Amino acid sequence: MLTKEEILAAAEPATEVVNVVGVGDIRVKVMDGFARDALQKTLQDQGTSDSVYFSALIVATVVDESGAPMFTPADLDTLRSKSAEVVRKIGLACSKVNALGDAQTKEAEKNSEAIQSGSSGTD
């Protein structure tokens, strides 16, 4: 039987360095319960558009070398104001590391691809 300490050690969130094509390496942490709760609250409060979803996911999971979050909830709108394609790429990497629902990830990818194929890239 596992001890309490062994269970807690096994449940420690992992961190993974991921190369995001066209962007570079990022460090992504598997969400703990607090980060997942914060992500869900943001999505409940602000909706589940791609810009909110991927930006909130970045806030919840991208960490620095020491494992500290790189972004705070105050950075959500700043991320939303950046290149949707770059934020999407980073968000998809975060989603994969966190094994978020394939259906949600595939739907977000599909929505992003539909938007991309229907846009000219110019205003």
PDB file of N, CA and C in Angstrom:
ATOM      1  N   MET A   1       0.832  -1.183   0.000  1.00  0.00           N
ATOM      2  CA  MET A   1       0.000   0.000   0.000  1.00  0.00           C
ATOM      3  C   MET A   1       0.881   1.253   0.000  1.00  0.00           C
ATOM      4  N   LEU A   2       0.453   2.235  -0.769  1.00  0.00           N
ATOM      5  CA  LEU A   2       1.168   3.500  -0.797  1.00  0.00           C
ATOM      6  C   LEU A   2       0.940   4.275   0.497  1.00  0.00           C
ATOM      7  N   THR A   3       1.964   4.987   0.867  1.00  0.00           N
ATOM      8  CA  THR A   3       1.830   5.870   2.025  1.00  0.00           C
ATOM      9  C   THR A   3       1.274   7.212   1.561  1.00  0.00           C
ATOM     10  N   LYS A   4       0.877   8.013   2.494  1.00  0.00           N
ATOM     11  CA  LYS A   4       0.398   9.364   2.201  1.00  0.00           C
ATOM     12  C   LYS A   4       1.462  10.145   1.427  1.00  0.00           C
ATOM     13  N   GLU A   5       2.701  10.068   1.881  1.00  0.00           N
ATOM     14  CA  GLU A   5       3.795  10.787   1.233  1.00  0.00           C
ATOM     15  C   GLU A   5       4.013  10.314  -0.204  1.00  0.00           C
ATOM     16  N   GLU A   6       3.890   9.008  -0.435  1.00  0.00           N
ATOM     17  CA  GLU A   6       4.061   8.467  -1.788  1.00  0.00           C
ATOM     18  C   GLU A   6       2.932   8.921  -2.710  1.00  0.00           C
ATOM     19  N   ILE A   7       1.724   8.964  -2.192  1.00  0.00           N
ATOM     20  CA  ILE A   7       0.589   9.441  -2.997  1.00  0.00           C
ATOM     21  C   ILE A   7       0.780  10.912  -3.348  1.00  0.00           C
ATOM     22  N   LEU A   8       1.156  11.708  -2.361  1.00  0.00           N
ATOM     23  CA  LEU A   8       1.376  13.126  -2.625  1.00  0.00           C
ATOM     24  C   LEU A   8       2.517  13.343  -3.612  1.00  0.00           C
ATOM     25  N   ALA A   9       3.578  12.576  -3.499  1.00  0.00           N
ATOM     26  CA  ALA A   9       4.701  12.695  -4.435  1.00  0.00           C
ATOM     27  C   ALA A   9       4.274  12.307  -5.847  1.00  0.00           C
ATOM     28  N   ALA A  10       3.463  11.255  -5.974  1.00  0.00           N
ATOM     29  CA  ALA A  10       2.995  10.810  -7.292  1.00  0.00           C
ATOM     30  C   ALA A  10       2.066  11.834  -7.932  1.00  0.00           C
ATOM     31  N   ALA A  11       1.372  12.613  -7.106  1.00  0.00           N
ATOM     32  CA  ALA A  11       0.411  13.597  -7.608  1.00  0.00           C
ATOM     33  C   ALA A  11       1.040  14.974  -7.832  1.00  0.00           C
ATOM     34  N   GLU A  12       2.335  15.088  -7.633  1.00  0.00           N
ATOM     35  CA  GLU A  12       3.012  16.364  -7.849  1.00  0.00           C
ATOM     36  C   GLU A  12       2.930  16.722  -9.344  1.00  0.00           C
ATOM     37  N   PRO A  13       2.475  17.938  -9.673  1.00  0.00           N
ATOM     38  CA  PRO A  13       2.339  18.306 -11.088  1.00  0.00           C
ATOM     39  C   PRO A  13       3.682  18.313 -11.814  1.00  0.00           C
ATOM     40  N   ALA A  14       3.714  17.646 -12.946  1.00  0.00           N
ATOM     41  CA  ALA A  14       4.918  17.592 -13.769  1.00  0.00           C
ATOM     42  C   ALA A  14       5.056  18.885 -14.568  1.00  0.00           C
ATOM     43  N   THR A  15       6.275  19.139 -15.005  1.00  0.00           N
ATOM     44  CA  THR A  15       6.566  20.273 -15.876  1.00  0.00           C
ATOM     45  C   THR A  15       7.282  19.729 -17.107  1.00  0.00           C
ATOM     46  N   GLU A  16       6.929  20.278 -18.257  1.00  0.00           N
ATOM     47  CA  GLU A  16       7.508  19.793 -19.515  1.00  0.00           C
ATOM     48  C   GLU A  16       7.917  20.979 -20.374  1.00  0.00           C
ATOM     49  N   VAL A  17       9.094  20.894 -20.981  1.00  0.00           N
ATOM     50  CA  VAL A  17       9.524  21.896 -21.952  1.00  0.00           C
ATOM     51  C   VAL A  17       9.031  21.429 -23.312  1.00  0.00           C
ATOM     52  N   VAL A  18       8.322  22.319 -23.995  1.00  0.00           N
ATOM     53  CA  VAL A  18       7.699  21.995 -25.275  1.00  0.00           C
ATOM     54  C   VAL A  18       8.173  22.996 -26.315  1.00  0.00           C
ATOM     55  N   ASN A  19       8.507  22.500 -27.499  1.00  0.00           N
ATOM     56  CA  ASN A  19       8.839  23.397 -28.597  1.00  0.00           C
ATOM     57  C   ASN A  19       7.572  23.701 -29.366  1.00  0.00           C
ATOM     58  N   VAL A  20       7.231  24.980 -29.426  1.00  0.00           N
ATOM     59  CA  VAL A  20       6.077  25.433 -30.199  1.00  0.00           C
ATOM     60  C   VAL A  20       6.628  25.929 -31.529  1.00  0.00           C
ATOM     61  N   VAL A  21       6.263  25.239 -32.602  1.00  0.00           N
ATOM     62  CA  VAL A  21       6.779  25.548 -33.935  1.00  0.00           C
ATOM     63  C   VAL A  21       6.517  27.013 -34.276  1.00  0.00           C
ATOM     64  N   GLY A  22       7.572  27.693 -34.691  1.00  0.00           N
ATOM     65  CA  GLY A  22       7.463  29.085 -35.074  1.00  0.00           C
ATOM     66  C   GLY A  22       7.487  30.053 -33.905  1.00  0.00           C
ATOM     67  N   VAL A  23       7.534  29.524 -32.687  1.00  0.00           N
ATOM     68  CA  VAL A  23       7.533  30.379 -31.500  1.00  0.00           C
ATOM     69  C   VAL A  23       8.784  30.132 -30.671  1.00  0.00           C
ATOM     70  N   GLY A  24       9.035  28.872 -30.313  1.00  0.00           N
ATOM     71  CA  GLY A  24      10.186  28.521 -29.493  1.00  0.00           C
ATOM     72  C   GLY A  24       9.791  27.611 -28.349  1.00  0.00           C
ATOM     73  N   ASP A  25      10.722  27.417 -27.435  1.00  0.00           N
ATOM     74  CA  ASP A  25      10.489  26.533 -26.296  1.00  0.00           C
ATOM     75  C   ASP A  25       9.730  27.263 -25.191  1.00  0.00           C
ATOM     76  N   ILE A  26       8.773  26.554 -24.601  1.00  0.00           N
ATOM     77  CA  ILE A  26       8.054  27.058 -23.436  1.00  0.00           C
ATOM     78  C   ILE A  26       8.044  25.960 -22.385  1.00  0.00           C
ATOM     79  N   ARG A  27       7.893  26.360 -21.150  1.00  0.00           N
ATOM     80  CA  ARG A  27       7.802  25.403 -20.048  1.00  0.00           C
ATOM     81  C   ARG A  27       6.352  25.389 -19.589  1.00  0.00           C
ATOM     82  N   VAL A  28       5.739  24.197 -19.640  1.00  0.00           N
ATOM     83  CA  VAL A  28       4.327  24.037 -19.310  1.00  0.00           C
ATOM     84  C   VAL A  28       4.196  23.112 -18.109  1.00  0.00           C
ATOM     85  N   LYS A  29       3.411  23.546 -17.152  1.00  0.00           N
ATOM     86  CA  LYS A  29       3.167  22.757 -15.949  1.00  0.00           C
ATOM     87  C   LYS A  29       1.784  22.116 -16.042  1.00  0.00           C
ATOM     88  N   VAL A  30       1.711  20.875 -15.640  1.00  0.00           N
ATOM     89  CA  VAL A  30       0.414  20.228 -15.529  1.00  0.00           C
ATOM     90  C   VAL A  30      -0.338  20.950 -14.417  1.00  0.00           C
ATOM     91  N   MET A  31      -1.581  21.315 -14.699  1.00  0.00           N
ATOM     92  CA  MET A  31      -2.348  22.092 -13.730  1.00  0.00           C
ATOM     93  C   MET A  31      -2.602  21.328 -12.440  1.00  0.00           C
ATOM     94  N   ASP A  32      -2.491  22.057 -11.346  1.00  0.00           N
ATOM     95  CA  ASP A  32      -2.955  21.516 -10.074  1.00  0.00           C
ATOM     96  C   ASP A  32      -4.433  21.886  -9.941  1.00  0.00           C
ATOM     97  N   GLY A  33      -5.050  21.479  -8.875  1.00  0.00           N
ATOM     98  CA  GLY A  33      -6.469  21.747  -8.688  1.00  0.00           C
ATOM     99  C   GLY A  33      -6.798  23.228  -8.658  1.00  0.00           C
ATOM    100  N   PHE A  34      -5.939  24.030  -8.039  1.00  0.00           N
ATOM    101  CA  PHE A  34      -6.189  25.463  -7.965  1.00  0.00           C
ATOM    102  C   PHE A  34      -6.152  26.114  -9.346  1.00  0.00           C
ATOM    103  N   ALA A  35      -5.167  25.735 -10.157  1.00  0.00           N
ATOM    104  CA  ALA A  35      -5.056  26.300 -11.497  1.00  0.00           C
ATOM    105  C   ALA A  35      -6.240  25.878 -12.366  1.00  0.00           C
ATOM    106  N   ARG A  36      -6.663  24.626 -12.243  1.00  0.00           N
ATOM    107  CA  ARG A  36      -7.809  24.151 -13.024  1.00  0.00           C
ATOM    108  C   ARG A  36      -9.087  24.886 -12.595  1.00  0.00           C
ATOM    109  N   ASP A  37      -9.256  25.088 -11.299  1.00  0.00           N
ATOM    110  CA  ASP A  37     -10.417  25.840 -10.808  1.00  0.00           C
ATOM    111  C   ASP A  37     -10.414  27.269 -11.357  1.00  0.00           C
ATOM    112  N   ALA A  38      -9.242  27.910 -11.353  1.00  0.00           N
ATOM    113  CA  ALA A  38      -9.130  29.277 -11.863  1.00  0.00           C
ATOM    114  C   ALA A  38      -9.447  29.321 -13.356  1.00  0.00           C
ATOM    115  N   LEU A  39      -8.964  28.329 -14.099  1.00  0.00           N
ATOM    116  CA  LEU A  39      -9.269  28.257 -15.529  1.00  0.00           C
ATOM    117  C   LEU A  39     -10.776  28.122 -15.739  1.00  0.00           C
ATOM    118  N   GLN A  40     -11.401  27.215 -15.022  1.00  0.00           N
ATOM    119  CA  GLN A  40     -12.843  27.017 -15.165  1.00  0.00           C
ATOM    120  C   GLN A  40     -13.617  28.279 -14.806  1.00  0.00           C
ATOM    121  N   LYS A  41     -13.191  28.973 -13.759  1.00  0.00           N
ATOM    122  CA  LYS A  41     -13.868  30.210 -13.346  1.00  0.00           C
ATOM    123  C   LYS A  41     -13.749  31.268 -14.435  1.00  0.00           C
ATOM    124  N   THR A  42     -12.568  31.403 -15.021  1.00  0.00           N
ATOM    125  CA  THR A  42     -12.375  32.372 -16.097  1.00  0.00           C
ATOM    126  C   THR A  42     -13.292  32.049 -17.268  1.00  0.00           C
ATOM    127  N   LEU A  43     -13.373  30.779 -17.641  1.00  0.00           N
ATOM    128  CA  LEU A  43     -14.216  30.381 -18.767  1.00  0.00           C
ATOM    129  C   LEU A  43     -15.693  30.603 -18.454  1.00  0.00           C
ATOM    130  N   GLN A  44     -16.101  30.370 -17.214  1.00  0.00           N
ATOM    131  CA  GLN A  44     -17.490  30.634 -16.818  1.00  0.00           C
ATOM    132  C   GLN A  44     -17.793  32.123 -16.871  1.00  0.00           C
ATOM    133  N   ASP A  45     -16.864  32.938 -16.407  1.00  0.00           N
ATOM    134  CA  ASP A  45     -17.082  34.383 -16.329  1.00  0.00           C
ATOM    135  C   ASP A  45     -16.952  35.086 -17.674  1.00  0.00           C
ATOM    136  N   GLN A  46     -16.007  34.622 -18.518  1.00  0.00           N
ATOM    137  CA  GLN A  46     -15.699  35.356 -19.747  1.00  0.00           C
ATOM    138  C   GLN A  46     -16.061  34.617 -21.032  1.00  0.00           C
ATOM    139  N   GLY A  47     -16.540  33.397 -20.899  1.00  0.00           N
ATOM    140  CA  GLY A  47     -16.923  32.644 -22.088  1.00  0.00           C
ATOM    141  C   GLY A  47     -15.810  31.733 -22.558  1.00  0.00           C
ATOM    142  N   THR A  48     -16.094  31.014 -23.621  1.00  0.00           N
ATOM    143  CA  THR A  48     -15.152  30.009 -24.099  1.00  0.00           C
ATOM    144  C   THR A  48     -14.661  30.287 -25.518  1.00  0.00           C
ATOM    145  N   SER A  49     -14.638  31.553 -25.902  1.00  0.00           N
ATOM    146  CA  SER A  49     -14.074  31.871 -27.214  1.00  0.00           C
ATOM    147  C   SER A  49     -12.621  31.417 -27.249  1.00  0.00           C
ATOM    148  N   ASP A  50     -12.090  31.240 -28.436  1.00  0.00           N
ATOM    149  CA  ASP A  50     -10.688  30.817 -28.562  1.00  0.00           C
ATOM    150  C   ASP A  50      -9.748  31.757 -27.826  1.00  0.00           C
ATOM    151  N   SER A  51      -9.974  33.067 -27.952  1.00  0.00           N
ATOM    152  CA  SER A  51      -9.034  34.011 -27.332  1.00  0.00           C
ATOM    153  C   SER A  51      -9.050  33.891 -25.814  1.00  0.00           C
ATOM    154  N   VAL A  52     -10.219  33.707 -25.232  1.00  0.00           N
ATOM    155  CA  VAL A  52     -10.305  33.539 -23.778  1.00  0.00           C
ATOM    156  C   VAL A  52      -9.719  32.194 -23.371  1.00  0.00           C
ATOM    157  N   TYR A  53     -10.138  31.128 -24.060  1.00  0.00           N
ATOM    158  CA  TYR A  53      -9.701  29.781 -23.689  1.00  0.00           C
ATOM    159  C   TYR A  53      -8.184  29.642 -23.737  1.00  0.00           C
ATOM    160  N   PHE A  54      -7.575  29.968 -24.867  1.00  0.00           N
ATOM    161  CA  PHE A  54      -6.137  29.770 -25.000  1.00  0.00           C
ATOM    162  C   PHE A  54      -5.352  30.714 -24.089  1.00  0.00           C
ATOM    163  N   SER A  55      -5.790  31.950 -23.949  1.00  0.00           N
ATOM    164  CA  SER A  55      -5.093  32.889 -23.065  1.00  0.00           C
ATOM    165  C   SER A  55      -5.182  32.435 -21.611  1.00  0.00           C
ATOM    166  N   ALA A  56      -6.361  31.998 -21.188  1.00  0.00           N
ATOM    167  CA  ALA A  56      -6.533  31.523 -19.810  1.00  0.00           C
ATOM    168  C   ALA A  56      -5.708  30.262 -19.566  1.00  0.00           C
ATOM    169  N   LEU A  57      -5.601  29.416 -20.564  1.00  0.00           N
ATOM    170  CA  LEU A  57      -4.795  28.202 -20.442  1.00  0.00           C
ATOM    171  C   LEU A  57      -3.316  28.537 -20.296  1.00  0.00           C
ATOM    172  N   ILE A  58      -2.856  29.526 -21.038  1.00  0.00           N
ATOM    173  CA  ILE A  58      -1.468  29.986 -20.912  1.00  0.00           C
ATOM    174  C   ILE A  58      -1.230  30.532 -19.508  1.00  0.00           C
ATOM    175  N   VAL A  59      -2.145  31.354 -19.011  1.00  0.00           N
ATOM    176  CA  VAL A  59      -2.021  31.905 -17.660  1.00  0.00           C
ATOM    177  C   VAL A  59      -1.926  30.770 -16.643  1.00  0.00           C
ATOM    178  N   ALA A  60      -2.734  29.731 -16.834  1.00  0.00           N
ATOM    179  CA  ALA A  60      -2.812  28.637 -15.863  1.00  0.00           C
ATOM    180  C   ALA A  60      -1.624  27.685 -15.913  1.00  0.00           C
ATOM    181  N   THR A  61      -0.892  27.638 -17.038  1.00  0.00           N
ATOM    182  CA  THR A  61       0.082  26.551 -17.182  1.00  0.00           C
ATOM    183  C   THR A  61       1.506  26.933 -17.562  1.00  0.00           C
ATOM    184  N   VAL A  62       1.753  28.080 -18.145  1.00  0.00           N
ATOM    185  CA  VAL A  62       3.110  28.429 -18.568  1.00  0.00           C
ATOM    186  C   VAL A  62       3.879  28.960 -17.349  1.00  0.00           C
ATOM    187  N   VAL A  63       5.038  28.341 -17.108  1.00  0.00           N
ATOM    188  CA  VAL A  63       5.837  28.678 -15.929  1.00  0.00           C
ATOM    189  C   VAL A  63       7.269  29.009 -16.340  1.00  0.00           C
ATOM    190  N   ASP A  64       7.984  29.642 -15.417  1.00  0.00           N
ATOM    191  CA  ASP A  64       9.390  29.949 -15.666  1.00  0.00           C
ATOM    192  C   ASP A  64      10.258  28.780 -15.201  1.00  0.00           C
ATOM    193  N   GLU A  65      11.575  28.969 -15.237  1.00  0.00           N
ATOM    194  CA  GLU A  65      12.504  27.887 -14.894  1.00  0.00           C
ATOM    195  C   GLU A  65      12.349  27.380 -13.469  1.00  0.00           C
ATOM    196  N   SER A  66      11.877  28.238 -12.577  1.00  0.00           N
ATOM    197  CA  SER A  66      11.701  27.820 -11.186  1.00  0.00           C
ATOM    198  C   SER A  66      10.335  27.185 -10.943  1.00  0.00           C
ATOM    199  N   GLY A  67       9.489  27.166 -11.980  1.00  0.00           N
ATOM    200  CA  GLY A  67       8.154  26.590 -11.840  1.00  0.00           C
ATOM    201  C   GLY A  67       7.090  27.587 -11.433  1.00  0.00           C
ATOM    202  N   ALA A  68       7.478  28.862 -11.302  1.00  0.00           N
ATOM    203  CA  ALA A  68       6.519  29.913 -10.948  1.00  0.00           C
ATOM    204  C   ALA A  68       5.747  30.346 -12.197  1.00  0.00           C
ATOM    205  N   PRO A  69       4.465  30.645 -12.044  1.00  0.00           N
ATOM    206  CA  PRO A  69       3.687  31.101 -13.197  1.00  0.00           C
ATOM    207  C   PRO A  69       4.320  32.326 -13.849  1.00  0.00           C
ATOM    208  N   MET A  70       4.364  32.332 -15.176  1.00  0.00           N
ATOM    209  CA  MET A  70       4.887  33.478 -15.918  1.00  0.00           C
ATOM    210  C   MET A  70       3.855  34.588 -16.001  1.00  0.00           C
ATOM    211  N   PHE A  71       2.587  34.202 -16.000  1.00  0.00           N
ATOM    212  CA  PHE A  71       1.495  35.145 -16.193  1.00  0.00           C
ATOM    213  C   PHE A  71       0.542  35.089 -15.010  1.00  0.00           C
ATOM    214  N   THR A  72      -0.169  36.186 -14.808  1.00  0.00           N
ATOM    215  CA  THR A  72      -1.204  36.259 -13.786  1.00  0.00           C
ATOM    216  C   THR A  72      -2.545  36.482 -14.485  1.00  0.00           C
ATOM    217  N   PRO A  73      -3.646  36.327 -13.767  1.00  0.00           N
ATOM    218  CA  PRO A  73      -4.946  36.615 -14.379  1.00  0.00           C
ATOM    219  C   PRO A  73      -5.024  38.036 -14.962  1.00  0.00           C
ATOM    220  N   ALA A  74      -4.253  38.956 -14.427  1.00  0.00           N
ATOM    221  CA  ALA A  74      -4.235  40.326 -14.960  1.00  0.00           C
ATOM    222  C   ALA A  74      -3.657  40.379 -16.372  1.00  0.00           C
ATOM    223  N   ASP A  75      -2.929  39.342 -16.791  1.00  0.00           N
ATOM    224  CA  ASP A  75      -2.331  39.293 -18.130  1.00  0.00           C
ATOM    225  C   ASP A  75      -3.279  38.730 -19.182  1.00  0.00           C
ATOM    226  N   LEU A  76      -4.450  38.271 -18.789  1.00  0.00           N
ATOM    227  CA  LEU A  76      -5.370  37.630 -19.728  1.00  0.00           C
ATOM    228  C   LEU A  76      -5.688  38.527 -20.920  1.00  0.00           C
ATOM    229  N   ASP A  77      -6.094  39.755 -20.666  1.00  0.00           N
ATOM    230  CA  ASP A  77      -6.443  40.650 -21.780  1.00  0.00           C
ATOM    231  C   ASP A  77      -5.230  41.029 -22.609  1.00  0.00           C
ATOM    232  N   THR A  78      -4.054  41.108 -21.975  1.00  0.00           N
ATOM    233  CA  THR A  78      -2.828  41.380 -22.736  1.00  0.00           C
ATOM    234  C   THR A  78      -2.578  40.245 -23.720  1.00  0.00           C
ATOM    235  N   LEU A  79      -2.704  39.006 -23.253  1.00  0.00           N
ATOM    236  CA  LEU A  79      -2.534  37.862 -24.150  1.00  0.00           C
ATOM    237  C   LEU A  79      -3.582  37.872 -25.256  1.00  0.00           C
ATOM    238  N   ARG A  80      -4.814  38.212 -24.916  1.00  0.00           N
ATOM    239  CA  ARG A  80      -5.888  38.250 -25.911  1.00  0.00           C
ATOM    240  C   ARG A  80      -5.627  39.304 -26.981  1.00  0.00           C
ATOM    241  N   SER A  81      -4.834  40.318 -26.655  1.00  0.00           N
ATOM    242  CA  SER A  81      -4.560  41.390 -27.615  1.00  0.00           C
ATOM    243  C   SER A  81      -3.390  41.061 -28.546  1.00  0.00           C
ATOM    244  N   LYS A  82      -2.748  39.933 -28.323  1.00  0.00           N
ATOM    245  CA  LYS A  82      -1.600  39.523 -29.132  1.00  0.00           C
ATOM    246  C   LYS A  82      -2.052  38.653 -30.304  1.00  0.00           C
ATOM    247  N   SER A  83      -1.118  38.250 -31.131  1.00  0.00           N
ATOM    248  CA  SER A  83      -1.417  37.434 -32.308  1.00  0.00           C
ATOM    249  C   SER A  83      -2.236  36.209 -31.928  1.00  0.00           C
ATOM    250  N   ALA A  84      -3.420  36.109 -32.493  1.00  0.00           N
ATOM    251  CA  ALA A  84      -4.298  34.975 -32.199  1.00  0.00           C
ATOM    252  C   ALA A  84      -3.630  33.665 -32.590  1.00  0.00           C
ATOM    253  N   GLU A  85      -2.887  33.658 -33.675  1.00  0.00           N
ATOM    254  CA  GLU A  85      -2.233  32.433 -34.137  1.00  0.00           C
ATOM    255  C   GLU A  85      -1.150  31.980 -33.161  1.00  0.00           C
ATOM    256  N   VAL A  86      -0.354  32.907 -32.662  1.00  0.00           N
ATOM    257  CA  VAL A  86       0.706  32.556 -31.711  1.00  0.00           C
ATOM    258  C   VAL A  86       0.093  32.086 -30.398  1.00  0.00           C
ATOM    259  N   VAL A  87      -0.889  32.808 -29.893  1.00  0.00           N
ATOM    260  CA  VAL A  87      -1.546  32.421 -28.653  1.00  0.00           C
ATOM    261  C   VAL A  87      -2.200  31.053 -28.817  1.00  0.00           C
ATOM    262  N   ARG A  88      -2.797  30.790 -29.969  1.00  0.00           N
ATOM    263  CA  ARG A  88      -3.418  29.491 -30.251  1.00  0.00           C
ATOM    264  C   ARG A  88      -2.377  28.372 -30.221  1.00  0.00           C
ATOM    265  N   LYS A  89      -1.235  28.589 -30.874  1.00  0.00           N
ATOM    266  CA  LYS A  89      -0.181  27.575 -30.903  1.00  0.00           C
ATOM    267  C   LYS A  89       0.310  27.249 -29.495  1.00  0.00           C
ATOM    268  N   ILE A  90       0.559  28.281 -28.713  1.00  0.00           N
ATOM    269  CA  ILE A  90       1.023  28.066 -27.343  1.00  0.00           C
ATOM    270  C   ILE A  90      -0.068  27.379 -26.530  1.00  0.00           C
ATOM    271  N   GLY A  91      -1.303  27.841 -26.686  1.00  0.00           N
ATOM    272  CA  GLY A  91      -2.430  27.244 -25.967  1.00  0.00           C
ATOM    273  C   GLY A  91      -2.637  25.784 -26.309  1.00  0.00           C
ATOM    274  N   LEU A  92      -2.485  25.429 -27.569  1.00  0.00           N
ATOM    275  CA  LEU A  92      -2.626  24.019 -27.968  1.00  0.00           C
ATOM    276  C   LEU A  92      -1.541  23.163 -27.324  1.00  0.00           C
ATOM    277  N   ALA A  93      -0.316  23.697 -27.245  1.00  0.00           N
ATOM    278  CA  ALA A  93       0.765  22.962 -26.573  1.00  0.00           C
ATOM    279  C   ALA A  93       0.428  22.757 -25.102  1.00  0.00           C
ATOM    280  N   CYS A  94      -0.098  23.782 -24.461  1.00  0.00           N
ATOM    281  CA  CYS A  94      -0.497  23.682 -23.051  1.00  0.00           C
ATOM    282  C   CYS A  94      -1.610  22.661 -22.875  1.00  0.00           C
ATOM    283  N   SER A  95      -2.536  22.650 -23.808  1.00  0.00           N
ATOM    284  CA  SER A  95      -3.663  21.720 -23.767  1.00  0.00           C
ATOM    285  C   SER A  95      -3.176  20.280 -23.873  1.00  0.00           C
ATOM    286  N   LYS A  96      -2.223  20.034 -24.754  1.00  0.00           N
ATOM    287  CA  LYS A  96      -1.707  18.677 -24.927  1.00  0.00           C
ATOM    288  C   LYS A  96      -0.953  18.201 -23.685  1.00  0.00           C
ATOM    289  N   VAL A  97      -0.119  19.058 -23.105  1.00  0.00           N
ATOM    290  CA  VAL A  97       0.619  18.680 -21.902  1.00  0.00           C
ATOM    291  C   VAL A  97      -0.351  18.341 -20.775  1.00  0.00           C
ATOM    292  N   ASN A  98      -1.450  19.058 -20.711  1.00  0.00           N
ATOM    293  CA  ASN A  98      -2.421  18.868 -19.648  1.00  0.00           C
ATOM    294  C   ASN A  98      -3.491  17.846 -19.979  1.00  0.00           C
ATOM    295  N   ALA A  99      -3.360  17.182 -21.116  1.00  0.00           N
ATOM    296  CA  ALA A  99      -4.292  16.132 -21.526  1.00  0.00           C
ATOM    297  C   ALA A  99      -5.739  16.580 -21.347  1.00  0.00           C
ATOM    298  N   LEU A 100      -5.991  17.822 -21.781  1.00  0.00           N
ATOM    299  CA  LEU A 100      -7.356  18.314 -21.708  1.00  0.00           C
ATOM    300  C   LEU A 100      -8.191  17.582 -22.739  1.00  0.00           C
ATOM    301  N   GLY A 101      -9.460  17.549 -22.509  1.00  0.00           N
ATOM    302  CA  GLY A 101     -10.374  16.799 -23.358  1.00  0.00           C
ATOM    303  C   GLY A 101     -10.063  16.935 -24.829  1.00  0.00           C
ATOM    304  N   ASP A 102      -9.857  15.806 -25.483  1.00  0.00           N
ATOM    305  CA  ASP A 102      -9.588  15.820 -26.915  1.00  0.00           C
ATOM    306  C   ASP A 102     -10.693  16.536 -27.672  1.00  0.00           C
ATOM    307  N   ALA A 103     -11.925  16.359 -27.241  1.00  0.00           N
ATOM    308  CA  ALA A 103     -13.045  16.984 -27.945  1.00  0.00           C
ATOM    309  C   ALA A 103     -12.920  18.497 -27.885  1.00  0.00           C
ATOM    310  N   GLN A 104     -12.587  19.043 -26.717  1.00  0.00           N
ATOM    311  CA  GLN A 104     -12.454  20.486 -26.569  1.00  0.00           C
ATOM    312  C   GLN A 104     -11.272  21.001 -27.392  1.00  0.00           C
ATOM    313  N   THR A 105     -10.147  20.285 -27.344  1.00  0.00           N
ATOM    314  CA  THR A 105      -8.977  20.700 -28.107  1.00  0.00           C
ATOM    315  C   THR A 105      -9.246  20.617 -29.600  1.00  0.00           C
ATOM    316  N   LYS A 106      -9.848  19.522 -30.057  1.00  0.00           N
ATOM    317  CA  LYS A 106     -10.150  19.369 -31.478  1.00  0.00           C
ATOM    318  C   LYS A 106     -11.143  20.418 -31.953  1.00  0.00           C
ATOM    319  N   GLU A 107     -12.133  20.736 -31.116  1.00  0.00           N
ATOM    320  CA  GLU A 107     -13.109  21.770 -31.469  1.00  0.00           C
ATOM    321  C   GLU A 107     -12.417  23.121 -31.598  1.00  0.00           C
ATOM    322  N   ALA A 108     -11.530  23.435 -30.670  1.00  0.00           N
ATOM    323  CA  ALA A 108     -10.798  24.692 -30.739  1.00  0.00           C
ATOM    324  C   ALA A 108      -9.918  24.740 -31.980  1.00  0.00           C
ATOM    325  N   GLU A 109      -9.247  23.620 -32.299  1.00  0.00           N
ATOM    326  CA  GLU A 109      -8.422  23.564 -33.508  1.00  0.00           C
ATOM    327  C   GLU A 109      -9.279  23.741 -34.746  1.00  0.00           C
ATOM    328  N   LYS A 110     -10.429  23.069 -34.780  1.00  0.00           N
ATOM    329  CA  LYS A 110     -11.329  23.154 -35.926  1.00  0.00           C
ATOM    330  C   LYS A 110     -11.816  24.585 -36.103  1.00  0.00           C
ATOM    331  N   ASN A 111     -12.232  25.214 -35.001  1.00  0.00           N
ATOM    332  CA  ASN A 111     -12.705  26.593 -35.079  1.00  0.00           C
ATOM    333  C   ASN A 111     -11.611  27.521 -35.570  1.00  0.00           C
ATOM    334  N   SER A 112     -10.400  27.329 -35.080  1.00  0.00           N
ATOM    335  CA  SER A 112      -9.291  28.172 -35.502  1.00  0.00           C
ATOM    336  C   SER A 112      -8.964  27.954 -36.974  1.00  0.00           C
ATOM    337  N   GLU A 113      -8.984  26.706 -37.424  1.00  0.00           N
ATOM    338  CA  GLU A 113      -8.700  26.417 -38.827  1.00  0.00           C
ATOM    339  C   GLU A 113      -9.771  26.994 -39.734  1.00  0.00           C
ATOM    340  N   ALA A 114     -11.029  26.929 -39.309  1.00  0.00           N
ATOM    341  CA  ALA A 114     -12.120  27.487 -40.118  1.00  0.00           C
ATOM    342  C   ALA A 114     -11.962  28.994 -40.234  1.00  0.00           C
ATOM    343  N   ILE A 115     -11.574  29.639 -39.154  1.00  0.00           N
ATOM    344  CA  ILE A 115     -11.383  31.084 -39.178  1.00  0.00           C
ATOM    345  C   ILE A 115     -10.215  31.421 -40.098  1.00  0.00           C
ATOM    346  N   GLN A 116      -9.112  30.653 -39.980  1.00  0.00           N
ATOM    347  CA  GLN A 116      -7.940  30.899 -40.798  1.00  0.00           C
ATOM    348  C   GLN A 116      -8.232  30.710 -42.288  1.00  0.00           C
ATOM    349  N   SER A 117      -8.945  29.630 -42.631  1.00  0.00           N
ATOM    350  CA  SER A 117      -9.179  29.352 -44.050  1.00  0.00           C
ATOM    351  C   SER A 117     -10.148  30.337 -44.659  1.00  0.00           C
ATOM    352  N   GLY A 118     -10.984  30.967 -43.826  1.00  0.00           N
ATOM    353  CA  GLY A 118     -11.947  31.923 -44.335  1.00  0.00           C
ATOM    354  C   GLY A 118     -11.457  33.342 -44.309  1.00  0.00           C
ATOM    355  N   SER A 119     -10.229  33.558 -43.843  1.00  0.00           N
ATOM    356  CA  SER A 119      -9.725  34.927 -43.738  1.00  0.00           C
ATOM    357  C   SER A 119      -8.623  35.154 -44.750  1.00  0.00           C
ATOM    358  N   SER A 120      -8.483  36.407 -45.141  1.00  0.00           N
ATOM    359  CA  SER A 120      -7.444  36.739 -46.111  1.00  0.00           C
ATOM    360  C   SER A 120      -6.132  37.088 -45.456  1.00  0.00           C
ATOM    361  N   GLY A 121      -6.170  37.342 -44.139  1.00  0.00           N
ATOM    362  CA  GLY A 121      -4.946  37.721 -43.441  1.00  0.00           C
ATOM    363  C   GLY A 121      -4.685  39.202 -43.511  1.00  0.00           C
ATOM    364  N   THR A 122      -5.551  39.939 -44.211  1.00  0.00           N
ATOM    365  CA  THR A 122      -5.422  41.390 -44.285  1.00  0.00           C
ATOM    366  C   THR A 122      -6.729  42.011 -43.886  1.00  0.00           C
ATOM    367  N   ASP A 123      -6.694  43.280 -43.532  1.00  0.00           N
ATOM    368  CA  ASP A 123      -7.918  44.008 -43.161  1.00  0.00           C
ATOM    369  C   ASP A 123      -8.433  44.822 -44.307  1.00  0.00           C
TER     370      ASP A 123
END
